[in-house]
Amino acid sequence: MVDDPDLFWFGCMLTLVCLCFTLSLISKNPKTSASSHATTIAPPVADATVDAQIAALQQQCSRLRGELQQQKAQLHEDFQSHSFAQLQPLLTNYPSACKMAQVKPDLPARNLVALFNPLENLLETWHIAPIGSVWEQVPFNAQNHQPDTDDLVTGEPVYIRFVGYCQGDRILCPAKVSRTLPGGMKGAE
C-alpha cells in the first residue's frame, strides 16, 4: 500500500521514538515494577537495622536484669545487717538470760524484760504496732481479734490473752482473745 520508502522509514522512526518515550516514562514513574523491585531490595537493609536494634535491646534487657538481681541481693543483705544490728543486744543477752533462769529458777522475770527493748525498737522502726495489750479488756472485733470460741459477737467484752500486730491498716496477726483470763486472774482495767 505504501510505496514511498521515505514514509516507511518515517514510520519506523516514529515507532522507535514512541517506544523510547514510553520506556522513559516507565522508568520515571515510582509505581512501576522497576521501582517496586528496588523497594523490595531495600527492606533487607531495613530488616538488618531492625535486627540490630532488637539485639541491642535484648542485650540491654539482659544487663538490666543482672543489675536488678545484684540490687535485690544487696537490699536483702542490707536488710539482714540492719535488722541484726537492732536485735544484737537481745541476741547477745538472751542465751545468758536463759542460763541464769536455769541456774536460778526464782529469778524475777522483770529482770529479763529489759532484754526485749531492741525487739520493741525494731517493730517501731518497721511501723508495726501491737493490737491491744495483754489482759486488756476490749470489745470484740472480728477483724482485729481471734476468739477462742466461735460464739463471740461483735462488741462483747473480751480480754486480750496474746497481742496481735498490724502495720498501718493491714493486720499481720490478730490478737488472741477470750471471755475470761487464765486462772481467774484480774484484768488490767
N, C-alpha and C. Protein backbone atom coordinates (compact mmCIF):
# COMPACT_ATOMS: atom_id res chain seq x y z
N MET A 1 0.80 -1.18 0.00
CA MET A 1 0.00 0.00 0.00
C MET A 1 0.84 1.25 0.00
N VAL A 2 1.82 1.27 0.88
CA VAL A 2 2.68 2.45 0.90
C VAL A 2 3.89 2.13 0.03
N ASP A 3 4.01 2.90 -0.99
CA ASP A 3 5.12 2.65 -1.90
C ASP A 3 6.26 3.60 -1.67
N ASP A 4 6.05 4.61 -0.89
CA ASP A 4 7.11 5.60 -0.68
C ASP A 4 8.06 5.09 0.40
N PRO A 5 9.36 4.86 0.06
CA PRO A 5 10.32 4.36 1.04
C PRO A 5 10.58 5.36 2.15
N ASP A 6 10.42 6.65 1.90
CA ASP A 6 10.65 7.65 2.95
C ASP A 6 9.58 7.52 4.04
N LEU A 7 8.38 7.23 3.65
CA LEU A 7 7.31 7.08 4.63
C LEU A 7 7.53 5.82 5.48
N PHE A 8 8.06 4.78 4.86
CA PHE A 8 8.34 3.56 5.61
C PHE A 8 9.34 3.84 6.73
N TRP A 9 10.43 4.51 6.42
CA TRP A 9 11.45 4.82 7.43
C TRP A 9 10.93 5.84 8.44
N PHE A 10 10.08 6.73 8.01
CA PHE A 10 9.49 7.67 8.95
C PHE A 10 8.61 6.92 9.96
N GLY A 11 7.86 5.95 9.52
CA GLY A 11 7.03 5.14 10.41
C GLY A 11 7.86 4.33 11.39
N CYS A 12 8.98 3.79 10.90
CA CYS A 12 9.88 3.05 11.81
C CYS A 12 10.46 3.95 12.89
N MET A 13 10.89 5.14 12.45
CA MET A 13 11.46 6.10 13.40
C MET A 13 10.41 6.55 14.42
N LEU A 14 9.22 6.79 13.96
CA LEU A 14 8.14 7.22 14.84
C LEU A 14 7.85 6.12 15.87
N THR A 15 7.83 4.88 15.48
CA THR A 15 7.61 3.75 16.39
C THR A 15 8.73 3.66 17.41
N LEU A 16 9.96 3.83 16.93
CA LEU A 16 11.12 3.79 17.83
C LEU A 16 11.08 4.92 18.85
N VAL A 17 10.74 6.12 18.45
CA VAL A 17 10.62 7.27 19.36
C VAL A 17 9.53 7.02 20.38
N CYS A 18 8.39 6.48 19.92
CA CYS A 18 7.29 6.18 20.87
C CYS A 18 7.72 5.15 21.91
N LEU A 19 8.44 4.14 21.46
CA LEU A 19 8.94 3.13 22.41
C LEU A 19 9.91 3.74 23.42
N CYS A 20 10.81 4.57 22.95
CA CYS A 20 11.77 5.22 23.86
C CYS A 20 11.06 6.14 24.83
N PHE A 21 10.10 6.89 24.34
CA PHE A 21 9.35 7.80 25.20
C PHE A 21 8.58 7.00 26.26
N THR A 22 7.95 5.92 25.88
CA THR A 22 7.20 5.08 26.82
C THR A 22 8.12 4.47 27.87
N LEU A 23 9.28 4.00 27.43
CA LEU A 23 10.24 3.43 28.38
C LEU A 23 10.76 4.49 29.35
N SER A 24 10.97 5.70 28.87
CA SER A 24 11.45 6.77 29.77
C SER A 24 10.38 7.13 30.79
N LEU A 25 9.12 7.12 30.39
CA LEU A 25 8.04 7.39 31.34
C LEU A 25 7.94 6.28 32.40
N ILE A 26 8.09 5.07 31.97
CA ILE A 26 8.01 3.93 32.89
C ILE A 26 9.13 3.99 33.92
N SER A 27 10.33 4.33 33.50
CA SER A 27 11.46 4.37 34.45
C SER A 27 11.34 5.52 35.42
N LYS A 28 10.64 6.62 35.08
CA LYS A 28 10.47 7.76 35.99
C LYS A 28 9.29 7.58 36.93
N ASN A 29 8.32 6.74 36.64
CA ASN A 29 7.13 6.54 37.46
C ASN A 29 7.46 5.62 38.64
N PRO A 30 7.24 6.06 39.95
CA PRO A 30 7.58 5.23 41.11
C PRO A 30 6.66 4.03 41.30
N LYS A 31 5.54 3.99 40.59
CA LYS A 31 4.60 2.89 40.77
C LYS A 31 4.88 1.75 39.82
N THR A 32 5.96 1.81 39.09
CA THR A 32 6.23 0.77 38.12
C THR A 32 6.91 -0.41 38.77
N SER A 33 6.97 -1.47 38.05
CA SER A 33 7.56 -2.68 38.59
C SER A 33 9.05 -2.53 38.81
N ALA A 34 9.72 -1.69 38.04
CA ALA A 34 11.15 -1.48 38.23
C ALA A 34 11.41 -0.83 39.58
N SER A 35 10.60 0.19 39.92
CA SER A 35 10.82 0.85 41.20
C SER A 35 10.35 -0.02 42.35
N SER A 36 9.28 -0.79 42.17
CA SER A 36 8.85 -1.67 43.25
C SER A 36 9.86 -2.79 43.44
N HIS A 37 10.57 -3.16 42.41
CA HIS A 37 11.65 -4.12 42.56
C HIS A 37 12.77 -3.52 43.41
N ALA A 38 13.02 -2.23 43.22
CA ALA A 38 14.05 -1.56 44.02
C ALA A 38 13.63 -1.50 45.48
N THR A 39 12.34 -1.30 45.77
CA THR A 39 11.90 -1.24 47.16
C THR A 39 11.91 -2.61 47.80
N THR A 40 11.74 -3.65 47.02
CA THR A 40 11.81 -4.97 47.63
C THR A 40 13.25 -5.32 48.00
N ILE A 41 14.20 -4.69 47.37
CA ILE A 41 15.60 -4.90 47.73
C ILE A 41 15.94 -4.12 48.99
N ALA A 42 15.29 -2.95 49.22
CA ALA A 42 15.59 -2.10 50.36
C ALA A 42 15.22 -2.72 51.71
N PRO A 43 14.08 -3.43 51.87
CA PRO A 43 13.74 -3.95 53.19
C PRO A 43 14.79 -4.84 53.83
N PRO A 44 15.52 -5.67 53.11
CA PRO A 44 16.53 -6.43 53.82
C PRO A 44 17.54 -5.53 54.54
N VAL A 45 17.84 -4.36 53.96
CA VAL A 45 18.72 -3.41 54.64
C VAL A 45 18.01 -2.90 55.89
N ALA A 46 16.70 -2.58 55.79
CA ALA A 46 15.93 -2.12 56.94
C ALA A 46 15.80 -3.25 57.97
N ASP A 47 15.59 -4.49 57.51
CA ASP A 47 15.50 -5.63 58.43
C ASP A 47 16.79 -5.82 59.21
N ALA A 48 17.90 -5.57 58.56
CA ALA A 48 19.19 -5.69 59.25
C ALA A 48 19.29 -4.65 60.36
N THR A 49 18.79 -3.44 60.09
CA THR A 49 18.80 -2.39 61.11
C THR A 49 17.87 -2.76 62.26
N VAL A 50 16.70 -3.26 61.95
CA VAL A 50 15.75 -3.68 62.99
C VAL A 50 16.33 -4.83 63.80
N ASP A 51 16.95 -5.79 63.14
CA ASP A 51 17.57 -6.91 63.85
C ASP A 51 18.66 -6.42 64.79
N ALA A 52 19.44 -5.44 64.35
CA ALA A 52 20.50 -4.89 65.20
C ALA A 52 19.89 -4.17 66.40
N GLN A 53 18.79 -3.45 66.19
CA GLN A 53 18.13 -2.76 67.30
C GLN A 53 17.55 -3.77 68.29
N ILE A 54 16.95 -4.82 67.77
CA ILE A 54 16.39 -5.86 68.65
C ILE A 54 17.50 -6.51 69.47
N ALA A 55 18.60 -6.81 68.82
CA ALA A 55 19.73 -7.42 69.54
C ALA A 55 20.26 -6.48 70.62
N ALA A 56 20.34 -5.18 70.30
CA ALA A 56 20.82 -4.20 71.29
C ALA A 56 19.85 -4.11 72.47
N LEU A 57 18.55 -4.13 72.18
CA LEU A 57 17.56 -4.07 73.26
C LEU A 57 17.58 -5.34 74.12
N GLN A 58 17.77 -6.49 73.50
CA GLN A 58 17.87 -7.73 74.26
C GLN A 58 19.11 -7.71 75.16
N GLN A 59 20.19 -7.18 74.65
CA GLN A 59 21.43 -7.08 75.43
C GLN A 59 21.23 -6.13 76.60
N GLN A 60 20.56 -4.99 76.35
CA GLN A 60 20.29 -4.03 77.42
C GLN A 60 19.36 -4.64 78.46
N CYS A 61 18.34 -5.38 78.02
CA CYS A 61 17.42 -6.05 78.94
C CYS A 61 18.16 -7.05 79.82
N SER A 62 19.05 -7.80 79.22
CA SER A 62 19.84 -8.78 79.98
C SER A 62 20.73 -8.08 81.01
N ARG A 63 21.33 -6.98 80.61
CA ARG A 63 22.18 -6.22 81.53
C ARG A 63 21.36 -5.66 82.69
N LEU A 64 20.17 -5.12 82.39
CA LEU A 64 19.31 -4.56 83.44
C LEU A 64 18.82 -5.65 84.39
N ARG A 65 18.53 -6.83 83.87
CA ARG A 65 18.13 -7.94 84.74
C ARG A 65 19.26 -8.32 85.69
N GLY A 66 20.47 -8.32 85.18
CA GLY A 66 21.62 -8.61 86.04
C GLY A 66 21.78 -7.57 87.13
N GLU A 67 21.63 -6.30 86.76
CA GLU A 67 21.74 -5.22 87.75
C GLU A 67 20.63 -5.34 88.79
N LEU A 68 19.42 -5.69 88.34
CA LEU A 68 18.31 -5.84 89.27
C LEU A 68 18.56 -6.98 90.26
N GLN A 69 19.12 -8.09 89.79
CA GLN A 69 19.45 -9.20 90.68
C GLN A 69 20.50 -8.78 91.70
N GLN A 70 21.50 -8.00 91.26
CA GLN A 70 22.53 -7.52 92.18
C GLN A 70 21.93 -6.59 93.22
N GLN A 71 21.03 -5.69 92.78
CA GLN A 71 20.39 -4.76 93.72
C GLN A 71 19.52 -5.52 94.72
N LYS A 72 18.82 -6.54 94.24
CA LYS A 72 17.98 -7.34 95.12
C LYS A 72 18.82 -8.03 96.19
N ALA A 73 19.93 -8.61 95.78
CA ALA A 73 20.82 -9.28 96.72
C ALA A 73 21.40 -8.27 97.72
N GLN A 74 21.76 -7.09 97.24
CA GLN A 74 22.32 -6.07 98.12
C GLN A 74 21.28 -5.58 99.12
N LEU A 75 20.05 -5.37 98.66
CA LEU A 75 18.98 -4.94 99.56
C LEU A 75 18.70 -5.99 100.64
N HIS A 76 18.69 -7.25 100.24
CA HIS A 76 18.46 -8.33 101.21
C HIS A 76 19.58 -8.35 102.25
N GLU A 77 20.81 -8.20 101.79
CA GLU A 77 21.95 -8.19 102.71
C GLU A 77 21.89 -6.99 103.64
N ASP A 78 21.54 -5.82 103.10
CA ASP A 78 21.41 -4.61 103.93
C ASP A 78 20.30 -4.77 104.96
N PHE A 79 19.19 -5.37 104.54
CA PHE A 79 18.07 -5.58 105.46
C PHE A 79 18.49 -6.49 106.62
N GLN A 80 19.14 -7.60 106.29
CA GLN A 80 19.59 -8.51 107.34
C GLN A 80 20.58 -7.84 108.28
N SER A 81 21.50 -7.10 107.72
CA SER A 81 22.51 -6.43 108.53
C SER A 81 21.87 -5.40 109.46
N HIS A 82 20.95 -4.60 108.93
CA HIS A 82 20.28 -3.58 109.74
C HIS A 82 19.42 -4.23 110.84
N SER A 83 18.70 -5.28 110.48
CA SER A 83 17.86 -5.97 111.47
C SER A 83 18.71 -6.61 112.56
N PHE A 84 19.82 -7.24 112.16
CA PHE A 84 20.70 -7.85 113.16
C PHE A 84 21.27 -6.78 114.10
N ALA A 85 21.65 -5.64 113.54
CA ALA A 85 22.21 -4.57 114.38
C ALA A 85 21.19 -4.13 115.43
N GLN A 86 19.91 -4.08 115.06
CA GLN A 86 18.88 -3.67 116.02
C GLN A 86 18.59 -4.77 117.04
N LEU A 87 18.69 -6.02 116.63
CA LEU A 87 18.40 -7.14 117.53
C LEU A 87 19.64 -7.63 118.30
N GLN A 88 20.80 -7.14 117.96
CA GLN A 88 22.05 -7.63 118.53
C GLN A 88 22.06 -7.63 120.06
N PRO A 89 21.61 -6.57 120.75
CA PRO A 89 21.61 -6.64 122.22
C PRO A 89 20.74 -7.79 122.76
N LEU A 90 19.59 -8.01 122.15
CA LEU A 90 18.73 -9.10 122.58
C LEU A 90 19.39 -10.44 122.31
N LEU A 91 19.94 -10.61 121.13
CA LEU A 91 20.56 -11.87 120.75
C LEU A 91 21.81 -12.17 121.58
N THR A 92 22.52 -11.14 121.97
CA THR A 92 23.72 -11.33 122.78
C THR A 92 23.36 -11.72 124.22
N ASN A 93 22.35 -11.09 124.78
CA ASN A 93 22.00 -11.31 126.18
C ASN A 93 21.05 -12.49 126.41
N TYR A 94 20.28 -12.87 125.40
CA TYR A 94 19.28 -13.92 125.57
C TYR A 94 19.88 -15.26 126.04
N PRO A 95 20.94 -15.77 125.43
CA PRO A 95 21.50 -17.04 125.93
C PRO A 95 21.95 -16.98 127.38
N SER A 96 22.52 -15.85 127.78
CA SER A 96 22.94 -15.70 129.19
C SER A 96 21.74 -15.65 130.12
N ALA A 97 20.67 -14.98 129.67
CA ALA A 97 19.47 -14.90 130.50
C ALA A 97 18.83 -16.28 130.64
N CYS A 98 18.84 -17.07 129.58
CA CYS A 98 18.29 -18.44 129.66
C CYS A 98 19.10 -19.27 130.67
N LYS A 99 20.40 -19.14 130.62
CA LYS A 99 21.25 -19.90 131.55
C LYS A 99 20.98 -19.46 132.99
N MET A 100 20.82 -18.15 133.20
CA MET A 100 20.53 -17.64 134.55
C MET A 100 19.19 -18.18 135.04
N ALA A 101 18.20 -18.25 134.15
CA ALA A 101 16.88 -18.76 134.54
C ALA A 101 16.97 -20.24 134.92
N GLN A 102 17.87 -21.00 134.28
CA GLN A 102 18.04 -22.42 134.63
C GLN A 102 18.74 -22.57 135.97
N VAL A 103 19.76 -21.75 136.19
CA VAL A 103 20.54 -21.84 137.42
C VAL A 103 19.77 -21.27 138.60
N LYS A 104 19.06 -20.18 138.38
CA LYS A 104 18.29 -19.52 139.45
C LYS A 104 16.82 -19.49 139.05
N PRO A 105 16.07 -20.55 139.29
CA PRO A 105 14.66 -20.57 138.88
C PRO A 105 13.81 -19.52 139.59
N ASP A 106 14.25 -18.99 140.71
CA ASP A 106 13.49 -17.98 141.43
C ASP A 106 13.83 -16.55 140.97
N LEU A 107 14.61 -16.40 139.93
CA LEU A 107 14.97 -15.07 139.39
C LEU A 107 13.70 -14.39 138.87
N PRO A 108 13.42 -13.17 139.34
CA PRO A 108 12.20 -12.48 138.89
C PRO A 108 12.26 -12.19 137.37
N ALA A 109 11.14 -12.41 136.72
CA ALA A 109 11.05 -12.19 135.27
C ALA A 109 11.25 -10.73 134.90
N ARG A 110 10.94 -9.82 135.82
CA ARG A 110 11.09 -8.40 135.48
C ARG A 110 12.54 -8.05 135.20
N ASN A 111 13.48 -8.85 135.71
CA ASN A 111 14.90 -8.59 135.40
C ASN A 111 15.20 -8.89 133.93
N LEU A 112 14.38 -9.71 133.29
CA LEU A 112 14.61 -10.09 131.90
C LEU A 112 13.86 -9.21 130.90
N VAL A 113 12.88 -8.46 131.39
CA VAL A 113 12.03 -7.66 130.49
C VAL A 113 12.85 -6.65 129.70
N ALA A 114 13.86 -6.06 130.30
CA ALA A 114 14.67 -5.05 129.60
C ALA A 114 15.37 -5.63 128.37
N LEU A 115 15.56 -6.94 128.34
CA LEU A 115 16.20 -7.56 127.18
C LEU A 115 15.39 -7.38 125.90
N PHE A 116 14.09 -7.20 126.03
CA PHE A 116 13.24 -7.14 124.85
C PHE A 116 13.06 -5.74 124.27
N ASN A 117 13.71 -4.74 124.83
CA ASN A 117 13.64 -3.38 124.27
C ASN A 117 14.10 -3.32 122.81
N PRO A 118 15.19 -4.00 122.42
CA PRO A 118 15.58 -3.95 121.00
C PRO A 118 14.50 -4.49 120.06
N LEU A 119 13.76 -5.49 120.51
CA LEU A 119 12.69 -6.03 119.69
C LEU A 119 11.57 -5.00 119.51
N GLU A 120 11.23 -4.31 120.59
CA GLU A 120 10.22 -3.25 120.50
C GLU A 120 10.70 -2.12 119.59
N ASN A 121 11.98 -1.79 119.68
CA ASN A 121 12.54 -0.74 118.80
C ASN A 121 12.47 -1.15 117.33
N LEU A 122 12.76 -2.41 117.06
CA LEU A 122 12.70 -2.90 115.68
C LEU A 122 11.27 -2.82 115.14
N LEU A 123 10.29 -3.24 115.93
CA LEU A 123 8.90 -3.16 115.49
C LEU A 123 8.48 -1.71 115.24
N GLU A 124 8.95 -0.82 116.08
CA GLU A 124 8.65 0.61 115.89
C GLU A 124 9.28 1.13 114.61
N THR A 125 10.50 0.72 114.33
CA THR A 125 11.18 1.13 113.09
C THR A 125 10.41 0.64 111.87
N TRP A 126 9.84 -0.54 111.93
CA TRP A 126 9.09 -1.12 110.82
C TRP A 126 7.63 -0.64 110.80
N HIS A 127 7.26 0.25 111.72
CA HIS A 127 5.90 0.78 111.83
C HIS A 127 4.89 -0.33 112.08
N ILE A 128 5.30 -1.29 112.90
CA ILE A 128 4.41 -2.38 113.30
C ILE A 128 3.94 -2.08 114.72
N ALA A 129 2.62 -2.03 114.89
CA ALA A 129 2.05 -1.67 116.19
C ALA A 129 1.30 -2.87 116.78
N PRO A 130 1.33 -2.99 118.12
CA PRO A 130 0.57 -4.08 118.75
C PRO A 130 -0.92 -3.78 118.69
N ILE A 131 -1.71 -4.84 118.64
CA ILE A 131 -3.17 -4.71 118.74
C ILE A 131 -3.52 -5.02 120.19
N GLY A 132 -3.76 -3.98 120.96
CA GLY A 132 -4.10 -4.12 122.37
C GLY A 132 -2.88 -4.42 123.23
N SER A 133 -3.15 -4.67 124.51
CA SER A 133 -2.09 -5.07 125.44
C SER A 133 -2.60 -6.27 126.23
N VAL A 134 -1.67 -7.03 126.77
CA VAL A 134 -2.00 -8.28 127.45
C VAL A 134 -2.95 -8.01 128.62
N TRP A 135 -4.03 -8.80 128.68
CA TRP A 135 -5.07 -8.80 129.69
C TRP A 135 -5.95 -7.54 129.65
N GLU A 136 -5.81 -6.75 128.63
CA GLU A 136 -6.68 -5.58 128.48
C GLU A 136 -8.07 -6.06 128.07
N GLN A 137 -9.11 -5.44 128.67
CA GLN A 137 -10.47 -5.78 128.28
C GLN A 137 -10.91 -4.81 127.18
N VAL A 138 -11.39 -5.39 126.07
CA VAL A 138 -11.79 -4.60 124.90
C VAL A 138 -13.07 -5.19 124.32
N PRO A 139 -13.80 -4.42 123.51
CA PRO A 139 -14.95 -5.00 122.81
C PRO A 139 -14.46 -5.88 121.65
N PHE A 140 -15.08 -7.03 121.48
CA PHE A 140 -14.66 -7.98 120.43
C PHE A 140 -14.85 -7.37 119.05
N ASN A 141 -13.84 -7.55 118.22
CA ASN A 141 -13.86 -7.08 116.83
C ASN A 141 -13.28 -8.22 115.99
N ALA A 142 -14.11 -8.81 115.15
CA ALA A 142 -13.69 -10.00 114.38
C ALA A 142 -12.51 -9.71 113.45
N GLN A 143 -12.35 -8.46 113.05
CA GLN A 143 -11.24 -8.14 112.15
C GLN A 143 -9.90 -8.13 112.90
N ASN A 144 -9.89 -7.63 114.12
CA ASN A 144 -8.65 -7.48 114.90
C ASN A 144 -8.39 -8.62 115.87
N HIS A 145 -9.39 -9.44 116.15
CA HIS A 145 -9.28 -10.44 117.21
C HIS A 145 -9.54 -11.85 116.70
N GLN A 146 -8.82 -12.79 117.28
CA GLN A 146 -9.04 -14.22 117.02
C GLN A 146 -9.62 -14.80 118.30
N PRO A 147 -10.90 -15.20 118.29
CA PRO A 147 -11.53 -15.69 119.53
C PRO A 147 -11.14 -17.14 119.84
N ASP A 148 -11.27 -17.51 121.12
CA ASP A 148 -11.00 -18.90 121.49
C ASP A 148 -12.26 -19.76 121.37
N THR A 149 -13.42 -19.12 121.14
CA THR A 149 -14.67 -19.84 120.87
C THR A 149 -15.36 -19.18 119.68
N ASP A 150 -16.26 -19.92 119.07
CA ASP A 150 -16.94 -19.41 117.87
C ASP A 150 -18.19 -18.59 118.18
N ASP A 151 -18.60 -18.50 119.45
CA ASP A 151 -19.87 -17.85 119.76
C ASP A 151 -19.73 -16.40 120.22
N LEU A 152 -18.56 -15.79 120.07
CA LEU A 152 -18.41 -14.37 120.44
C LEU A 152 -19.09 -13.49 119.40
N VAL A 153 -19.71 -12.41 119.89
CA VAL A 153 -20.38 -11.47 118.98
C VAL A 153 -19.67 -10.13 119.04
N THR A 154 -19.78 -9.39 117.97
CA THR A 154 -19.13 -8.08 117.88
C THR A 154 -19.59 -7.20 119.03
N GLY A 155 -18.62 -6.55 119.68
CA GLY A 155 -18.90 -5.65 120.79
C GLY A 155 -18.89 -6.29 122.16
N GLU A 156 -18.92 -7.62 122.24
CA GLU A 156 -18.90 -8.32 123.52
C GLU A 156 -17.55 -8.09 124.20
N PRO A 157 -17.54 -7.84 125.53
CA PRO A 157 -16.25 -7.62 126.21
C PRO A 157 -15.41 -8.90 126.25
N VAL A 158 -14.15 -8.75 125.87
CA VAL A 158 -13.20 -9.86 125.87
C VAL A 158 -11.88 -9.36 126.43
N TYR A 159 -11.03 -10.32 126.82
CA TYR A 159 -9.69 -10.00 127.30
C TYR A 159 -8.67 -10.43 126.24
N ILE A 160 -7.67 -9.61 126.06
CA ILE A 160 -6.59 -9.96 125.14
C ILE A 160 -5.63 -10.88 125.88
N ARG A 161 -5.51 -12.10 125.40
CA ARG A 161 -4.60 -13.08 126.00
C ARG A 161 -3.21 -12.96 125.38
N PHE A 162 -3.16 -12.78 124.05
CA PHE A 162 -1.91 -12.59 123.32
C PHE A 162 -2.12 -11.45 122.34
N VAL A 163 -1.21 -10.47 122.36
CA VAL A 163 -1.37 -9.32 121.47
C VAL A 163 -1.22 -9.75 120.00
N GLY A 164 -1.84 -8.97 119.15
CA GLY A 164 -1.66 -9.14 117.71
C GLY A 164 -0.83 -7.97 117.19
N TYR A 165 -0.62 -7.94 115.89
CA TYR A 165 0.18 -6.86 115.30
C TYR A 165 -0.42 -6.41 113.99
N CYS A 166 -0.29 -5.10 113.75
CA CYS A 166 -0.76 -4.53 112.48
C CYS A 166 0.30 -3.56 111.97
N GLN A 167 0.26 -3.33 110.68
CA GLN A 167 1.15 -2.38 110.04
C GLN A 167 0.26 -1.46 109.21
N GLY A 168 -0.01 -0.29 109.77
CA GLY A 168 -0.99 0.59 109.14
C GLY A 168 -2.37 -0.04 109.25
N ASP A 169 -3.06 -0.16 108.11
CA ASP A 169 -4.39 -0.77 108.10
C ASP A 169 -4.34 -2.29 107.92
N ARG A 170 -3.17 -2.83 107.68
CA ARG A 170 -3.03 -4.27 107.40
C ARG A 170 -2.81 -5.04 108.71
N ILE A 171 -3.64 -6.04 108.95
CA ILE A 171 -3.50 -6.89 110.13
C ILE A 171 -2.46 -7.97 109.81
N LEU A 172 -1.35 -7.98 110.55
CA LEU A 172 -0.32 -9.00 110.35
C LEU A 172 -0.70 -10.29 111.06
N CYS A 173 -1.19 -10.15 112.29
CA CYS A 173 -1.75 -11.29 113.03
C CYS A 173 -2.73 -10.72 114.05
N PRO A 174 -3.92 -11.29 114.14
CA PRO A 174 -4.92 -10.77 115.08
C PRO A 174 -4.55 -11.10 116.53
N ALA A 175 -5.05 -10.28 117.44
CA ALA A 175 -4.86 -10.56 118.86
C ALA A 175 -5.75 -11.73 119.26
N LYS A 176 -5.22 -12.61 120.12
CA LYS A 176 -5.99 -13.76 120.59
C LYS A 176 -6.75 -13.34 121.85
N VAL A 177 -8.06 -13.52 121.79
CA VAL A 177 -8.91 -13.03 122.87
C VAL A 177 -9.77 -14.15 123.46
N SER A 178 -10.25 -13.87 124.71
CA SER A 178 -11.09 -14.83 125.44
C SER A 178 -12.05 -14.05 126.32
N ARG A 179 -13.15 -14.69 126.71
CA ARG A 179 -14.09 -14.04 127.64
C ARG A 179 -13.50 -13.91 129.04
N THR A 180 -12.58 -14.81 129.37
CA THR A 180 -12.00 -14.82 130.73
C THR A 180 -10.48 -14.82 130.65
N LEU A 181 -9.87 -14.49 131.77
CA LEU A 181 -8.41 -14.54 131.89
C LEU A 181 -8.00 -15.90 132.43
N PRO A 182 -6.78 -16.32 132.20
CA PRO A 182 -6.35 -17.63 132.71
C PRO A 182 -6.30 -17.65 134.23
N GLY A 183 -6.75 -18.74 134.82
CA GLY A 183 -6.60 -18.97 136.26
C GLY A 183 -7.33 -17.97 137.13
N GLY A 184 -8.37 -17.31 136.66
CA GLY A 184 -9.14 -16.40 137.48
C GLY A 184 -8.40 -15.10 137.80
N MET A 185 -7.38 -14.75 137.06
CA MET A 185 -6.64 -13.51 137.31
C MET A 185 -7.52 -12.31 136.96
N LYS A 186 -7.23 -11.19 137.56
CA LYS A 186 -7.95 -9.95 137.32
C LYS A 186 -7.28 -9.24 136.14
N GLY A 187 -8.09 -8.64 135.30
CA GLY A 187 -7.59 -7.90 134.16
C GLY A 187 -6.99 -6.57 134.56
N ALA A 188 -6.16 -6.02 133.68
CA ALA A 188 -5.59 -4.70 133.91
C ALA A 188 -6.55 -3.66 133.38
N GLU A 189 -7.55 -3.31 134.16
CA GLU A 189 -8.63 -2.43 133.71
C GLU A 189 -8.39 -1.03 134.16
